[in-house]
Amino acid sequence: MKILDLKFLTPNHTVRHLKFENVNTNLDAATLKDCMEQIIALNIFQTTDADGIASPLYGTPVSASYITKDEEIVYSAAQGLVDQPAA
């Protein structure tokens, strides 16, 4: 499975990730940067401090990367114990 990891810098200069599974893996850098800028412009992801002041969670696009994830199920309630090869 491929995961799209969008990395942003917050207005407080911390790094924040937004990850998506089952994505189109044929997107180029310009398209992804444009999508990240649209996410920022929508301003729908916010946090509120103790004084009730809202600030955006995503500020500046840093990077976009595809991560390949291999899942190995060791135990599943639906299947019981999964046999593992002897070491």
N, C-alpha and C. Protein backbone atom coordinates (compact mmCIF):
# COMPACT_ATOMS: atom_id res chain seq x y z
N MET A 1 0.84 -1.17 0.00
CA MET A 1 0.00 0.00 0.00
C MET A 1 0.89 1.23 0.00
N LYS A 2 0.47 2.23 -0.75
CA LYS A 2 1.19 3.51 -0.78
C LYS A 2 0.43 4.54 0.04
N ILE A 3 1.18 5.33 0.77
CA ILE A 3 0.62 6.41 1.58
C ILE A 3 1.23 7.72 1.08
N LEU A 4 0.40 8.72 0.91
CA LEU A 4 0.88 10.05 0.55
C LEU A 4 1.04 10.84 1.84
N ASP A 5 2.27 11.28 2.09
CA ASP A 5 2.58 12.04 3.30
C ASP A 5 2.87 13.49 2.90
N LEU A 6 1.96 14.38 3.29
CA LEU A 6 2.15 15.81 3.04
C LEU A 6 2.71 16.43 4.31
N LYS A 7 3.84 17.07 4.17
CA LYS A 7 4.54 17.66 5.32
C LYS A 7 4.44 19.18 5.25
N PHE A 8 3.97 19.77 6.34
CA PHE A 8 3.78 21.22 6.43
C PHE A 8 4.56 21.78 7.61
N LEU A 9 4.88 23.05 7.52
CA LEU A 9 5.44 23.79 8.64
C LEU A 9 4.31 24.64 9.19
N THR A 10 4.06 24.56 10.49
CA THR A 10 2.99 25.34 11.11
C THR A 10 3.46 26.78 11.30
N PRO A 11 2.53 27.69 11.57
CA PRO A 11 2.93 29.07 11.87
C PRO A 11 3.84 29.15 13.10
N ASN A 12 3.79 28.14 13.97
CA ASN A 12 4.66 28.10 15.16
C ASN A 12 5.99 27.41 14.88
N HIS A 13 6.26 27.13 13.61
CA HIS A 13 7.52 26.52 13.16
C HIS A 13 7.72 25.09 13.66
N THR A 14 6.63 24.34 13.76
CA THR A 14 6.72 22.91 14.03
C THR A 14 6.26 22.18 12.78
N VAL A 15 6.65 20.92 12.66
CA VAL A 15 6.30 20.12 11.49
C VAL A 15 5.02 19.35 11.77
N ARG A 16 4.13 19.34 10.80
CA ARG A 16 2.87 18.59 10.92
C ARG A 16 2.67 17.82 9.61
N HIS A 17 2.18 16.58 9.74
CA HIS A 17 1.95 15.71 8.59
C HIS A 17 0.46 15.50 8.37
N LEU A 18 0.09 15.35 7.12
CA LEU A 18 -1.26 14.98 6.73
C LEU A 18 -1.09 13.79 5.80
N LYS A 19 -1.61 12.62 6.20
CA LYS A 19 -1.37 11.39 5.44
C LYS A 19 -2.67 10.83 4.87
N PHE A 20 -2.54 10.30 3.65
CA PHE A 20 -3.68 9.71 2.94
C PHE A 20 -3.29 8.33 2.44
N GLU A 21 -4.21 7.37 2.56
CA GLU A 21 -4.00 6.03 2.04
C GLU A 21 -4.76 5.86 0.73
N ASN A 22 -4.34 4.86 -0.06
CA ASN A 22 -5.02 4.52 -1.32
C ASN A 22 -5.14 5.73 -2.25
N VAL A 23 -4.01 6.31 -2.57
CA VAL A 23 -3.99 7.55 -3.35
C VAL A 23 -3.48 7.31 -4.76
N ASN A 24 -3.71 8.29 -5.60
CA ASN A 24 -3.15 8.30 -6.95
C ASN A 24 -1.64 8.53 -6.81
N THR A 25 -0.85 7.61 -7.31
CA THR A 25 0.61 7.72 -7.17
C THR A 25 1.26 8.35 -8.40
N ASN A 26 0.45 8.90 -9.30
CA ASN A 26 0.99 9.51 -10.51
C ASN A 26 0.97 11.03 -10.46
N LEU A 27 0.82 11.61 -9.28
CA LEU A 27 0.78 13.06 -9.15
C LEU A 27 2.19 13.63 -9.16
N ASP A 28 2.39 14.71 -9.90
CA ASP A 28 3.71 15.32 -9.97
C ASP A 28 3.90 16.37 -8.88
N ALA A 29 5.10 16.88 -8.79
CA ALA A 29 5.45 17.84 -7.72
C ALA A 29 4.59 19.10 -7.78
N ALA A 30 4.38 19.63 -8.98
CA ALA A 30 3.60 20.87 -9.10
C ALA A 30 2.15 20.65 -8.66
N THR A 31 1.57 19.52 -9.00
CA THR A 31 0.19 19.22 -8.61
C THR A 31 0.08 19.08 -7.10
N LEU A 32 1.03 18.36 -6.50
CA LEU A 32 1.00 18.16 -5.06
C LEU A 32 1.21 19.48 -4.31
N LYS A 33 2.12 20.31 -4.79
CA LYS A 33 2.34 21.61 -4.15
C LYS A 33 1.08 22.45 -4.23
N ASP A 34 0.42 22.44 -5.39
CA ASP A 34 -0.83 23.18 -5.55
C ASP A 34 -1.90 22.66 -4.59
N CYS A 35 -2.01 21.35 -4.45
CA CYS A 35 -2.98 20.76 -3.52
C CYS A 35 -2.68 21.18 -2.07
N MET A 36 -1.41 21.18 -1.71
CA MET A 36 -1.03 21.58 -0.36
C MET A 36 -1.39 23.05 -0.11
N GLU A 37 -1.16 23.89 -1.10
CA GLU A 37 -1.51 25.30 -0.96
C GLU A 37 -3.02 25.50 -0.85
N GLN A 38 -3.79 24.66 -1.56
CA GLN A 38 -5.24 24.73 -1.45
C GLN A 38 -5.71 24.32 -0.06
N ILE A 39 -5.08 23.29 0.51
CA ILE A 39 -5.42 22.85 1.87
C ILE A 39 -5.19 23.99 2.85
N ILE A 40 -4.06 24.67 2.70
CA ILE A 40 -3.74 25.80 3.58
C ILE A 40 -4.76 26.92 3.39
N ALA A 41 -5.09 27.23 2.14
CA ALA A 41 -6.02 28.33 1.85
C ALA A 41 -7.42 28.07 2.39
N LEU A 42 -7.84 26.81 2.44
CA LEU A 42 -9.17 26.49 2.97
C LEU A 42 -9.28 26.83 4.46
N ASN A 43 -8.16 26.73 5.17
CA ASN A 43 -8.09 27.08 6.59
C ASN A 43 -9.15 26.34 7.43
N ILE A 44 -9.35 25.07 7.12
CA ILE A 44 -10.34 24.28 7.86
C ILE A 44 -9.73 23.49 9.02
N PHE A 45 -8.42 23.36 9.03
CA PHE A 45 -7.74 22.66 10.11
C PHE A 45 -7.12 23.68 11.05
N GLN A 46 -7.69 23.80 12.24
CA GLN A 46 -7.22 24.80 13.20
C GLN A 46 -7.11 24.21 14.59
N THR A 47 -6.33 24.88 15.39
CA THR A 47 -6.25 24.56 16.81
C THR A 47 -6.56 25.83 17.59
N THR A 48 -7.05 25.66 18.79
CA THR A 48 -7.39 26.81 19.63
C THR A 48 -6.55 26.77 20.90
N ASP A 49 -5.92 27.88 21.25
CA ASP A 49 -5.10 27.91 22.46
C ASP A 49 -5.98 28.17 23.69
N ALA A 50 -5.36 28.25 24.85
CA ALA A 50 -6.08 28.42 26.11
C ALA A 50 -6.89 29.72 26.15
N ASP A 51 -6.47 30.72 25.38
CA ASP A 51 -7.19 32.00 25.35
C ASP A 51 -8.31 32.01 24.31
N GLY A 52 -8.51 30.88 23.62
CA GLY A 52 -9.56 30.80 22.61
C GLY A 52 -9.18 31.36 21.27
N ILE A 53 -7.88 31.58 21.06
CA ILE A 53 -7.41 32.12 19.79
C ILE A 53 -7.09 30.96 18.85
N ALA A 54 -7.72 30.97 17.68
CA ALA A 54 -7.52 29.91 16.70
C ALA A 54 -6.30 30.21 15.84
N SER A 55 -5.56 29.16 15.51
CA SER A 55 -4.44 29.29 14.58
C SER A 55 -4.43 28.06 13.67
N PRO A 56 -3.99 28.23 12.43
CA PRO A 56 -4.02 27.12 11.47
C PRO A 56 -3.02 26.02 11.85
N LEU A 57 -3.40 24.77 11.54
CA LEU A 57 -2.50 23.64 11.79
C LEU A 57 -1.47 23.49 10.68
N TYR A 58 -1.79 23.94 9.49
CA TYR A 58 -0.90 23.79 8.34
C TYR A 58 -0.57 25.16 7.78
N GLY A 59 0.73 25.47 7.71
CA GLY A 59 1.14 26.80 7.30
C GLY A 59 1.86 26.87 5.98
N THR A 60 2.99 26.21 5.86
CA THR A 60 3.82 26.29 4.65
C THR A 60 4.10 24.88 4.14
N PRO A 61 3.90 24.63 2.83
CA PRO A 61 4.24 23.30 2.31
C PRO A 61 5.74 23.04 2.42
N VAL A 62 6.11 21.87 2.92
CA VAL A 62 7.51 21.49 3.04
C VAL A 62 7.86 20.40 2.04
N SER A 63 7.07 19.31 2.03
CA SER A 63 7.34 18.22 1.10
C SER A 63 6.13 17.32 0.95
N ALA A 64 6.16 16.54 -0.10
CA ALA A 64 5.15 15.50 -0.33
C ALA A 64 5.90 14.25 -0.74
N SER A 65 5.59 13.13 -0.10
CA SER A 65 6.27 11.89 -0.43
C SER A 65 5.31 10.72 -0.39
N TYR A 66 5.63 9.73 -1.22
CA TYR A 66 4.89 8.48 -1.19
C TYR A 66 5.66 7.52 -0.32
N ILE A 67 4.97 6.89 0.59
CA ILE A 67 5.58 5.91 1.49
C ILE A 67 4.97 4.56 1.17
N THR A 68 5.82 3.57 0.97
CA THR A 68 5.34 2.22 0.73
C THR A 68 5.22 1.51 2.07
N LYS A 69 4.05 0.99 2.33
CA LYS A 69 3.79 0.35 3.63
C LYS A 69 3.44 -1.12 3.39
N ASP A 70 4.21 -1.99 4.00
CA ASP A 70 3.92 -3.41 3.96
C ASP A 70 3.39 -3.81 5.31
N GLU A 71 2.21 -4.39 5.32
CA GLU A 71 1.58 -4.78 6.56
C GLU A 71 1.72 -6.29 6.75
N GLU A 72 2.23 -6.69 7.90
CA GLU A 72 2.37 -8.10 8.22
C GLU A 72 1.52 -8.38 9.45
N ILE A 73 0.43 -9.08 9.25
CA ILE A 73 -0.49 -9.38 10.35
C ILE A 73 0.10 -10.52 11.18
N VAL A 74 0.29 -10.26 12.46
CA VAL A 74 0.80 -11.27 13.37
C VAL A 74 -0.35 -11.91 14.12
N TYR A 75 -1.34 -11.13 14.49
CA TYR A 75 -2.52 -11.62 15.17
C TYR A 75 -3.74 -10.90 14.63
N SER A 76 -4.81 -11.64 14.43
CA SER A 76 -6.08 -11.06 14.01
C SER A 76 -7.19 -11.80 14.74
N ALA A 77 -8.08 -11.08 15.39
CA ALA A 77 -9.19 -11.70 16.11
C ALA A 77 -10.05 -12.52 15.16
N ALA A 78 -10.14 -12.11 13.91
CA ALA A 78 -10.95 -12.82 12.93
C ALA A 78 -10.30 -14.14 12.53
N GLN A 79 -8.97 -14.21 12.56
CA GLN A 79 -8.26 -15.40 12.11
C GLN A 79 -7.62 -16.18 13.24
N GLY A 80 -7.63 -15.66 14.44
CA GLY A 80 -6.89 -16.30 15.52
C GLY A 80 -5.42 -16.05 15.34
N LEU A 81 -4.58 -16.91 15.85
CA LEU A 81 -3.14 -16.74 15.73
C LEU A 81 -2.73 -17.08 14.29
N VAL A 82 -1.91 -16.24 13.71
CA VAL A 82 -1.41 -16.46 12.36
C VAL A 82 -0.11 -17.23 12.46
N ASP A 83 -0.01 -18.31 11.68
CA ASP A 83 1.22 -19.12 11.71
C ASP A 83 2.40 -18.30 11.23
N GLN A 84 3.49 -18.37 11.98
CA GLN A 84 4.73 -17.70 11.63
C GLN A 84 5.78 -18.76 11.33
N PRO A 85 6.61 -18.52 10.33
CA PRO A 85 7.67 -19.49 10.04
C PRO A 85 8.65 -19.58 11.20
N ALA A 86 9.19 -20.77 11.41
CA ALA A 86 10.16 -20.99 12.49
C ALA A 86 11.44 -20.24 12.17
N ALA A 87 12.06 -19.70 13.20
CA ALA A 87 13.29 -18.91 13.01
C ALA A 87 14.48 -19.81 12.80
